[in-house]
Amino acid sequence: MQSVTISNRFILGIVAFSVSFGLSLVPSWDFNKAFLTGVITASTIYGAALFVDKRRRNYEMFVLGSLHKRIKEMEGLKARVVREINQIEERHNLLYAESQNLQNQVIESRNQRDSLHRELGKFAGQKKQLETEINTLQTEINNSQKNQTELNNAFSVLTAEKRRLESNCNVSRAEIAQLQSQISELQQEKQHIESNVTLLGRLKPQLEEKLYELRIAIQELEVETNEKNQLLAATKTEKENIQATLNYSQTQLAEQKAELQQLQGQISLLQEERDSLQNQVWELLQQIETFNPEPLSDNSQEDETELFPFSEIMEATAAVNTLEADASENLPEEWTNFLKNLPVYELQVLKAVVEQDNPKAAIKKIAEANITMPNLLIDSINERANDTIGELIINSDSESPEVYDEYITHVKKMIAMHEMLMARHPSSN
């Protein structure tokens, strides 16, 4: 601090010297006089600064002494306040009696009272802080109680969830057992599929040959479609001509129907005559055999060979006519066409599907006998039905193949018709 004041004094002297030297040099330009005035002003200002510093230092020392006394008084007061606070804390029950003495002491020393008021204000602030802290603690306790209740509720929810998970675990165990049974069934199906795969390996060369034949057939069909397209243009022109002739043919058709009825009456008469003639021929043959059996044996055999085939042909035609009449009455035309296009082994598959509850084994035997697979047989039947009827008749998506309900009656009629044909004409089998 002292070095700072000395430097300030030195700077002040230099500034005063330079100012006085400059002001005295400007009017007369006498350097000696200017230097002398500068030294005089610098010394006077330096002395004045010393005097001012000394007075300031004396004042500061006075103030410092008073402050030291004040500090000592305050320290003594602070010590008394500390002792009194300790006494207040120790003698809380004797506050009323001591307050009488403190009031007398407050009258004697007002300065101490002010300091006590300040300290009490601080204590009041601390008390408020403590009250606020107590309130915060109380709120925290309430929150903790609420959290405890929430935890209890969560614990109850967790116990319920635990019970639910245990029940789900039991259900999942039952489902696992079901899945294991399903896995065993799938393994059996896998073995069945492997056997089908081996059968496909056997059928692969035959299918390739059929594929080659189908490609050739497709090429031929493409050629035929081109020819048919060419013919279609010609048929359009012919259609117009046919339409004109159709009107004429309809008029003739009515006339022919009348003639047909007449012919049917004549045919019935001729059939009756034929029966009577056959009876007469039989009678003549029997008479000839009785009179001369040896010479006429050859002729009789020739006559029999001529008559028996004729009778068989007539019976076969009559049976076919009756069957066709029954088919036209019971089955639609597309179903009769479907029966004609259906092979015997595919008809056997339809019979097994309709009559048996689980026809897989029977279909498998039929497939092995014809060197094919059950699925291919069912697809072939559905393709033929789609081509002729326009609908699929077997549901292959179910566990065991089954005929749709709306087609069962037609299929049964087809099977019955086929069995009647086989019974009357076993040679056609």
Protein backbone atom coordinates (compact mmCIF):
# COMPACT_ATOMS: atom_id res chain seq x y z
CA MET A 1 0.00 0.00 0.00
CA GLN A 2 2.81 2.38 0.87
CA SER A 3 4.65 1.66 -2.40
CA VAL A 4 1.47 2.54 -4.26
CA THR A 5 1.14 5.86 -2.45
CA ILE A 6 4.81 6.67 -3.13
CA SER A 7 4.39 5.94 -6.81
CA ASN A 8 1.25 8.10 -6.87
CA ARG A 9 3.14 10.96 -5.23
CA PHE A 10 5.99 10.58 -7.71
CA ILE A 11 3.58 10.65 -10.63
CA LEU A 12 1.79 13.69 -9.16
CA GLY A 13 5.14 15.54 -8.80
CA ILE A 14 6.16 14.75 -12.36
CA VAL A 15 2.81 15.91 -13.71
CA ALA A 16 2.93 19.17 -11.68
CA PHE A 17 6.55 19.80 -12.76
CA SER A 18 5.76 19.20 -16.44
CA VAL A 19 2.64 21.40 -16.35
CA SER A 20 4.31 24.31 -14.54
CA PHE A 21 7.45 23.97 -16.71
CA GLY A 22 5.34 24.10 -19.86
CA LEU A 23 3.17 27.03 -18.74
CA SER A 24 6.17 29.15 -17.65
CA LEU A 25 8.22 28.30 -20.75
CA VAL A 26 5.58 29.34 -23.34
CA PRO A 27 5.47 33.14 -22.70
CA SER A 28 9.20 33.85 -22.09
CA TRP A 29 11.04 30.73 -23.32
CA ASP A 30 13.38 30.88 -20.37
CA PHE A 31 14.34 27.33 -19.49
CA ASN A 32 16.00 28.14 -16.17
CA LYS A 33 13.07 30.11 -14.92
CA ALA A 34 10.67 27.51 -16.22
CA PHE A 35 12.72 24.73 -14.59
CA LEU A 36 12.80 26.67 -11.31
CA THR A 37 9.05 27.26 -11.34
CA GLY A 38 8.50 23.62 -12.19
CA VAL A 39 10.69 22.48 -9.27
CA ILE A 40 8.93 24.91 -6.91
CA THR A 41 5.44 23.77 -7.99
CA ALA A 42 6.45 20.12 -7.85
CA SER A 43 7.92 20.53 -4.34
CA THR A 44 4.90 22.46 -3.10
CA ILE A 45 2.46 19.95 -4.58
CA TYR A 46 4.55 17.08 -3.18
CA GLY A 47 4.56 18.74 0.25
CA ALA A 48 0.83 19.39 0.04
CA ALA A 49 0.33 15.76 -0.91
CA LEU A 50 2.44 14.69 2.08
CA PHE A 51 0.39 16.91 4.37
CA VAL A 52 -2.89 15.60 2.96
CA ASP A 53 -1.66 12.02 3.24
CA LYS A 54 -0.62 12.59 6.81
CA ARG A 55 -3.99 14.06 7.72
CA ARG A 56 -5.73 11.22 5.92
CA ARG A 57 -3.55 8.69 7.70
CA ASN A 58 -4.32 10.27 11.05
CA TYR A 59 -8.04 10.19 10.24
CA GLU A 60 -7.79 6.61 9.13
CA MET A 61 -5.94 5.68 12.30
CA PHE A 62 -8.67 7.39 14.30
CA VAL A 63 -11.37 5.59 12.36
CA LEU A 64 -9.42 2.34 12.63
CA GLY A 65 -9.14 2.71 16.39
CA SER A 66 -12.87 3.41 16.68
CA LEU A 67 -13.54 0.44 14.47
CA HIS A 68 -11.28 -1.77 16.60
CA LYS A 69 -13.21 -0.65 19.63
CA ARG A 70 -16.49 -1.30 17.84
CA ILE A 71 -15.23 -4.72 16.78
CA LYS A 72 -14.19 -5.53 20.32
CA GLU A 73 -17.59 -4.38 21.58
CA MET A 74 -19.31 -6.46 18.90
CA GLU A 75 -17.16 -9.48 19.73
CA GLY A 76 -18.01 -9.10 23.40
CA LEU A 77 -21.64 -8.66 22.47
CA LYS A 78 -21.45 -11.71 20.19
CA ALA A 79 -19.91 -13.74 22.99
CA ARG A 80 -22.65 -12.64 25.35
CA VAL A 81 -25.30 -13.45 22.73
CA VAL A 82 -23.79 -16.89 22.22
CA ARG A 83 -23.76 -17.50 25.95
CA GLU A 84 -27.32 -16.26 26.22
CA ILE A 85 -28.43 -18.50 23.37
CA ASN A 86 -26.84 -21.47 25.10
CA GLN A 87 -28.57 -20.46 28.31
CA ILE A 88 -31.87 -20.14 26.36
CA GLU A 89 -31.43 -23.62 25.01
CA GLU A 90 -30.47 -25.05 28.42
CA ARG A 91 -33.10 -23.14 30.39
CA HIS A 92 -36.10 -23.27 28.15
CA ASN A 93 -38.49 -23.75 31.10
CA LEU A 94 -37.15 -20.59 32.87
CA LEU A 95 -37.67 -18.22 29.92
CA TYR A 96 -40.37 -16.17 31.64
CA ALA A 97 -38.30 -15.30 34.72
CA GLU A 98 -35.18 -14.56 32.71
CA SER A 99 -37.18 -12.41 30.28
CA GLN A 100 -37.80 -9.95 33.20
CA ASN A 101 -34.06 -9.63 33.70
CA LEU A 102 -33.46 -9.33 29.97
CA GLN A 103 -36.01 -6.49 29.73
CA ASN A 104 -34.07 -4.59 32.41
CA GLN A 105 -30.83 -5.26 30.52
CA VAL A 106 -32.49 -4.11 27.27
CA ILE A 107 -33.41 -0.77 28.95
CA GLU A 108 -29.79 -0.35 30.05
CA SER A 109 -28.29 -1.26 26.64
CA ARG A 110 -30.42 -0.42 23.60
CA ASN A 111 -27.58 -1.26 21.27
CA GLN A 112 -27.56 -4.81 22.60
CA ARG A 113 -31.35 -4.97 22.07
CA ASP A 114 -30.97 -4.03 18.40
CA SER A 115 -28.34 -6.68 17.92
CA LEU A 116 -30.58 -9.21 19.70
CA HIS A 117 -33.50 -8.24 17.45
CA ARG A 118 -31.34 -8.89 14.42
CA GLU A 119 -30.25 -12.25 15.79
CA LEU A 120 -33.85 -13.13 16.66
CA GLY A 121 -34.90 -12.22 13.13
CA LYS A 122 -32.28 -14.66 11.88
CA PHE A 123 -33.63 -17.31 14.25
CA ALA A 124 -37.18 -16.63 13.01
CA GLY A 125 -36.00 -17.12 9.45
CA GLN A 126 -34.33 -20.36 10.49
CA LYS A 127 -37.56 -21.38 12.25
CA LYS A 128 -39.53 -20.73 9.09
CA GLN A 129 -37.01 -22.74 7.13
CA LEU A 130 -37.36 -25.55 9.65
CA GLU A 131 -41.16 -25.35 9.38
CA THR A 132 -40.94 -25.50 5.61
CA GLU A 133 -38.55 -28.45 5.88
CA ILE A 134 -40.98 -30.14 8.30
CA ASN A 135 -43.83 -29.54 5.84
CA THR A 136 -41.75 -30.96 3.01
CA LEU A 137 -40.88 -33.95 5.17
CA GLN A 138 -44.57 -34.40 6.01
CA THR A 139 -45.48 -34.26 2.31
CA GLU A 140 -42.69 -36.75 1.57
CA ILE A 141 -44.06 -39.03 4.31
CA ASN A 142 -47.55 -38.76 2.79
CA ASN A 143 -46.12 -39.47 -0.64
CA SER A 144 -44.23 -42.45 0.74
CA GLN A 145 -47.46 -43.73 2.32
CA LYS A 146 -49.24 -43.29 -1.02
CA ASN A 147 -46.38 -45.07 -2.77
CA GLN A 148 -46.66 -47.86 -0.21
CA THR A 149 -50.37 -48.24 -0.93
CA GLU A 150 -49.64 -48.20 -4.68
CA LEU A 151 -46.95 -50.83 -4.15
CA ASN A 152 -49.42 -52.95 -2.19
CA ASN A 153 -51.92 -52.64 -5.04
CA ALA A 154 -49.20 -53.47 -7.56
CA PHE A 155 -48.22 -56.47 -5.44
CA SER A 156 -51.82 -57.70 -5.46
CA VAL A 157 -51.96 -57.16 -9.23
CA LEU A 158 -48.70 -59.07 -9.62
CA THR A 159 -50.04 -61.97 -7.55
CA ALA A 160 -53.16 -62.07 -9.77
CA GLU A 161 -50.93 -61.89 -12.84
CA LYS A 162 -48.82 -64.71 -11.41
CA ARG A 163 -51.91 -66.87 -11.00
CA ARG A 164 -53.04 -66.04 -14.53
CA LEU A 165 -49.59 -66.91 -15.90
CA GLU A 166 -49.66 -70.20 -14.01
CA SER A 167 -53.04 -71.01 -15.57
CA ASN A 168 -51.67 -70.00 -18.99
CA CYS A 169 -48.64 -72.23 -18.32
CA ASN A 170 -50.93 -75.17 -17.64
CA VAL A 171 -52.87 -74.41 -20.83
CA SER A 172 -49.61 -74.14 -22.80
CA ARG A 173 -48.51 -77.48 -21.42
CA ALA A 174 -51.76 -79.04 -22.63
CA GLU A 175 -51.23 -77.37 -26.01
CA ILE A 176 -47.67 -78.74 -26.10
CA ALA A 177 -49.04 -82.22 -25.51
CA GLN A 178 -51.50 -81.69 -28.37
CA LEU A 179 -48.68 -80.39 -30.57
CA GLN A 180 -46.63 -83.48 -29.77
CA SER A 181 -49.55 -85.68 -30.85
CA GLN A 182 -49.89 -83.56 -34.00
CA ILE A 183 -46.16 -83.94 -34.63
CA SER A 184 -46.51 -87.72 -34.44
CA GLU A 185 -49.40 -87.52 -36.93
CA LEU A 186 -47.31 -85.28 -39.18
CA GLN A 187 -44.47 -87.79 -39.02
CA GLN A 188 -46.86 -90.50 -40.17
CA GLU A 189 -48.02 -88.21 -42.97
CA LYS A 190 -44.35 -87.58 -43.78
CA GLN A 191 -43.80 -91.32 -44.20
CA HIS A 192 -46.90 -91.46 -46.41
CA ILE A 193 -45.57 -88.52 -48.47
CA GLU A 194 -42.15 -90.22 -48.77
CA SER A 195 -43.86 -93.33 -50.14
CA ASN A 196 -45.74 -91.08 -52.58
CA VAL A 197 -42.42 -89.45 -53.54
CA THR A 198 -40.91 -92.85 -54.32
CA LEU A 199 -44.01 -93.64 -56.38
CA LEU A 200 -43.56 -90.30 -58.19
CA GLY A 201 -39.96 -91.29 -58.90
CA ARG A 202 -41.28 -94.42 -60.57
CA LEU A 203 -43.93 -92.44 -62.43
CA LYS A 204 -41.54 -89.70 -63.56
CA PRO A 205 -40.43 -91.33 -66.86
CA GLN A 206 -44.03 -92.18 -67.76
CA LEU A 207 -45.10 -88.62 -66.94
CA GLU A 208 -42.25 -87.26 -69.07
CA GLU A 209 -43.40 -89.42 -71.98
CA LYS A 210 -46.96 -88.18 -71.47
CA LEU A 211 -45.64 -84.61 -71.28
CA TYR A 212 -43.85 -85.08 -74.59
CA GLU A 213 -47.01 -86.53 -76.11
CA LEU A 214 -49.02 -83.63 -74.71
CA ARG A 215 -46.60 -81.12 -76.23
CA ILE A 216 -46.95 -82.82 -79.60
CA ALA A 217 -50.73 -82.82 -79.11
CA ILE A 218 -50.60 -79.10 -78.24
CA GLN A 219 -48.72 -78.38 -81.45
CA GLU A 220 -51.29 -80.38 -83.42
CA LEU A 221 -54.08 -78.51 -81.61
CA GLU A 222 -52.45 -75.19 -82.51
CA VAL A 223 -52.41 -76.28 -86.16
CA GLU A 224 -56.03 -77.38 -85.85
CA THR A 225 -57.02 -74.06 -84.23
CA ASN A 226 -55.46 -72.19 -87.13
CA GLU A 227 -57.38 -74.38 -89.55
CA LYS A 228 -60.54 -73.92 -87.50
CA ASN A 229 -60.07 -70.16 -87.53
CA GLN A 230 -59.86 -70.36 -91.30
CA LEU A 231 -62.89 -72.56 -91.38
CA LEU A 232 -64.73 -70.20 -89.05
CA ALA A 233 -64.85 -67.50 -91.67
CA ALA A 234 -66.25 -70.04 -94.11
CA THR A 235 -68.76 -71.31 -91.57
CA LYS A 236 -70.07 -67.80 -91.00
CA THR A 237 -71.08 -67.61 -94.61
CA GLU A 238 -72.46 -71.11 -94.45
CA LYS A 239 -74.35 -70.22 -91.28
CA GLU A 240 -76.41 -67.71 -93.16
CA ASN A 241 -77.23 -70.31 -95.75
CA ILE A 242 -77.99 -72.85 -93.02
CA GLN A 243 -80.31 -70.38 -91.30
CA ALA A 244 -82.31 -70.13 -94.47
CA THR A 245 -82.41 -73.89 -94.85
CA LEU A 246 -83.21 -74.29 -91.15
CA ASN A 247 -86.49 -72.52 -91.53
CA TYR A 248 -87.33 -74.84 -94.40
CA SER A 249 -86.16 -77.89 -92.41
CA GLN A 250 -88.36 -76.95 -89.46
CA THR A 251 -91.41 -77.14 -91.67
CA GLN A 252 -90.27 -80.50 -92.97
CA LEU A 253 -89.54 -81.66 -89.41
CA ALA A 254 -93.17 -81.37 -88.43
CA GLU A 255 -94.11 -83.49 -91.44
CA GLN A 256 -91.38 -86.02 -90.57
CA LYS A 257 -92.63 -86.26 -86.98
CA ALA A 258 -96.06 -87.26 -88.27
CA GLU A 259 -94.43 -89.78 -90.60
CA LEU A 260 -92.27 -91.00 -87.67
CA GLN A 261 -95.33 -91.72 -85.59
CA GLN A 262 -96.78 -93.68 -88.47
CA LEU A 263 -93.47 -95.57 -88.87
CA GLN A 264 -93.39 -96.36 -85.13
CA GLY A 265 -96.86 -97.87 -85.42
CA GLN A 266 -95.71 -99.88 -88.43
CA ILE A 267 -92.53 -100.95 -86.56
CA SER A 268 -94.63 -102.25 -83.68
CA LEU A 269 -96.73 -104.21 -86.12
CA LEU A 270 -93.57 -105.55 -87.81
CA GLN A 271 -92.11 -106.58 -84.45
CA GLU A 272 -95.27 -108.51 -83.66
CA GLU A 273 -95.08 -110.18 -87.08
CA ARG A 274 -91.37 -110.92 -86.51
CA ASP A 275 -92.17 -112.62 -83.20
CA SER A 276 -94.87 -114.70 -84.83
CA LEU A 277 -92.50 -115.63 -87.69
CA GLN A 278 -89.76 -116.63 -85.26
CA ASN A 279 -92.23 -118.86 -83.42
CA GLN A 280 -93.28 -120.43 -86.69
CA VAL A 281 -89.62 -120.96 -87.69
CA TRP A 282 -88.88 -122.66 -84.38
CA GLU A 283 -91.87 -124.91 -84.81
CA LEU A 284 -90.77 -125.80 -88.36
CA LEU A 285 -87.23 -126.54 -87.20
CA GLN A 286 -88.50 -128.81 -84.46
CA GLN A 287 -90.74 -130.62 -86.94
CA ILE A 288 -87.83 -131.01 -89.38
CA GLU A 289 -85.56 -132.36 -86.64
CA THR A 290 -88.18 -134.92 -85.65
CA PHE A 291 -88.66 -136.18 -89.23
CA ASN A 292 -85.09 -136.02 -90.60
CA PRO A 293 -82.53 -134.88 -87.98
CA GLU A 294 -79.26 -135.94 -89.71
CA PRO A 295 -79.50 -134.37 -93.17
CA LEU A 296 -80.97 -131.22 -91.84
CA SER A 297 -78.57 -130.82 -88.96
CA ASP A 298 -76.20 -128.64 -90.92
CA ASN A 299 -79.01 -126.49 -92.16
CA SER A 300 -80.45 -126.22 -88.67
CA GLN A 301 -77.10 -125.20 -87.32
CA GLU A 302 -76.81 -122.57 -90.03
CA ASP A 303 -80.33 -121.40 -89.24
CA GLU A 304 -79.49 -121.31 -85.55
CA THR A 305 -76.29 -119.40 -86.21
CA GLU A 306 -78.33 -117.00 -88.27
CA LEU A 307 -81.13 -116.71 -85.72
CA PHE A 308 -79.23 -116.55 -82.45
CA PRO A 309 -76.94 -113.65 -83.33
CA PHE A 310 -79.94 -111.77 -84.61
CA SER A 311 -81.80 -112.35 -81.39
CA GLU A 312 -78.76 -111.42 -79.29
CA ILE A 313 -78.27 -108.25 -81.29
CA MET A 314 -81.91 -107.34 -80.84
CA GLU A 315 -81.74 -107.97 -77.09
CA ALA A 316 -78.52 -105.91 -76.76
CA THR A 317 -80.02 -103.03 -78.72
CA ALA A 318 -83.18 -103.21 -76.63
CA ALA A 319 -81.12 -103.16 -73.40
CA VAL A 320 -79.07 -100.23 -74.64
CA ASN A 321 -82.24 -98.37 -75.63
CA THR A 322 -83.80 -98.99 -72.21
CA LEU A 323 -80.63 -97.86 -70.43
CA GLU A 324 -80.41 -94.77 -72.59
CA ALA A 325 -84.06 -94.05 -71.89
CA ASP A 326 -83.48 -94.42 -68.14
CA ALA A 327 -80.38 -92.25 -68.34
CA SER A 328 -82.25 -89.55 -70.27
CA GLU A 329 -85.05 -89.64 -67.70
CA ASN A 330 -82.85 -89.69 -64.54
CA LEU A 331 -79.57 -87.98 -65.51
CA PRO A 332 -78.96 -84.76 -67.46
CA GLU A 333 -77.16 -84.97 -70.78
CA GLU A 334 -73.86 -83.65 -69.45
CA TRP A 335 -73.79 -86.35 -66.73
CA THR A 336 -74.32 -89.09 -69.30
CA ASN A 337 -71.44 -87.65 -71.32
CA PHE A 338 -69.35 -87.56 -68.16
CA LEU A 339 -70.13 -91.27 -67.54
CA LYS A 340 -69.14 -92.15 -71.11
CA ASN A 341 -65.80 -90.29 -70.82
CA LEU A 342 -64.98 -91.70 -67.37
CA PRO A 343 -62.61 -94.73 -67.23
CA VAL A 344 -63.56 -97.75 -65.12
CA TYR A 345 -60.86 -97.24 -62.45
CA GLU A 346 -61.88 -93.59 -61.94
CA LEU A 347 -65.51 -94.75 -61.59
CA GLN A 348 -64.26 -97.21 -58.93
CA VAL A 349 -62.64 -94.25 -57.13
CA LEU A 350 -65.97 -92.38 -57.19
CA LYS A 351 -67.72 -95.46 -55.81
CA ALA A 352 -65.19 -95.74 -52.95
CA VAL A 353 -65.58 -92.03 -52.12
CA VAL A 354 -69.38 -92.26 -52.01
CA GLU A 355 -69.77 -95.61 -50.21
CA GLN A 356 -66.82 -95.60 -47.71
CA ASP A 357 -66.22 -93.32 -44.74
CA ASN A 358 -62.42 -93.34 -45.12
CA PRO A 359 -61.69 -94.21 -48.77
CA LYS A 360 -57.96 -93.40 -48.70
CA ALA A 361 -56.83 -97.06 -48.56
CA ALA A 362 -59.12 -98.09 -51.45
CA ILE A 363 -58.02 -95.11 -53.57
CA LYS A 364 -54.38 -95.96 -52.85
CA LYS A 365 -54.90 -99.58 -54.03
CA ILE A 366 -56.58 -98.38 -57.23
CA ALA A 367 -53.72 -95.89 -57.82
CA GLU A 368 -51.04 -98.56 -57.30
CA ALA A 369 -52.87 -100.94 -59.62
CA ASN A 370 -52.92 -98.26 -62.37
CA ILE A 371 -49.36 -96.95 -61.59
CA THR A 372 -50.43 -93.47 -60.48
CA MET A 373 -51.11 -91.50 -57.30
CA PRO A 374 -54.37 -90.89 -55.36
CA ASN A 375 -54.15 -87.11 -55.75
CA LEU A 376 -53.63 -87.44 -59.50
CA LEU A 377 -56.70 -89.69 -59.77
CA ILE A 378 -58.89 -87.19 -57.91
CA ASP A 379 -57.52 -84.29 -60.01
CA SER A 380 -58.21 -86.28 -63.21
CA ILE A 381 -61.85 -86.90 -62.14
CA ASN A 382 -62.31 -83.20 -61.32
CA GLU A 383 -60.79 -82.19 -64.67
CA ARG A 384 -63.15 -84.51 -66.60
CA ALA A 385 -66.11 -83.19 -64.57
CA ASN A 386 -65.04 -79.60 -65.22
CA ASP A 387 -64.76 -80.28 -68.96
CA THR A 388 -68.19 -81.95 -69.26
CA ILE A 389 -70.31 -80.60 -66.37
CA GLY A 390 -68.47 -77.33 -65.76
CA GLU A 391 -68.04 -77.96 -61.99
CA LEU A 392 -65.72 -79.84 -59.62
CA ILE A 393 -67.48 -82.76 -57.90
CA ILE A 394 -64.83 -83.94 -55.34
CA ASN A 395 -63.62 -81.79 -52.42
CA SER A 396 -59.88 -82.57 -52.15
CA ASP A 397 -59.18 -79.97 -49.42
CA SER A 398 -60.77 -82.01 -46.61
CA GLU A 399 -58.99 -84.74 -44.62
CA SER A 400 -60.59 -87.51 -46.69
CA PRO A 401 -61.92 -86.83 -50.23
CA GLU A 402 -65.69 -86.48 -50.44
CA VAL A 403 -68.26 -85.64 -53.12
CA TYR A 404 -70.12 -82.35 -52.74
CA ASP A 405 -73.65 -82.74 -51.37
CA GLU A 406 -75.39 -81.32 -54.43
CA TYR A 407 -73.76 -83.95 -56.72
CA ILE A 408 -74.12 -87.13 -54.58
CA THR A 409 -77.47 -88.19 -56.13
CA HIS A 410 -76.15 -87.87 -59.71
CA VAL A 411 -72.99 -89.80 -58.85
CA LYS A 412 -74.98 -92.62 -57.22
CA LYS A 413 -77.22 -92.84 -60.33
CA MET A 414 -74.09 -93.04 -62.52
CA ILE A 415 -72.67 -95.89 -60.41
CA ALA A 416 -76.00 -97.78 -60.43
CA MET A 417 -76.26 -97.38 -64.23
CA HIS A 418 -72.74 -98.68 -64.72
CA GLU A 419 -73.43 -101.71 -62.49
CA MET A 420 -76.58 -102.51 -64.50
CA LEU A 421 -74.57 -102.42 -67.72
CA MET A 422 -71.90 -104.66 -66.24
CA ALA A 423 -74.55 -107.14 -65.01
CA ARG A 424 -76.26 -107.39 -68.41
CA HIS A 425 -73.08 -107.35 -70.49
CA PRO A 426 -70.08 -108.72 -68.58
CA SER A 427 -68.04 -108.92 -71.79
CA SER A 428 -67.99 -105.11 -72.02
CA ASN A 429 -65.92 -105.01 -68.84
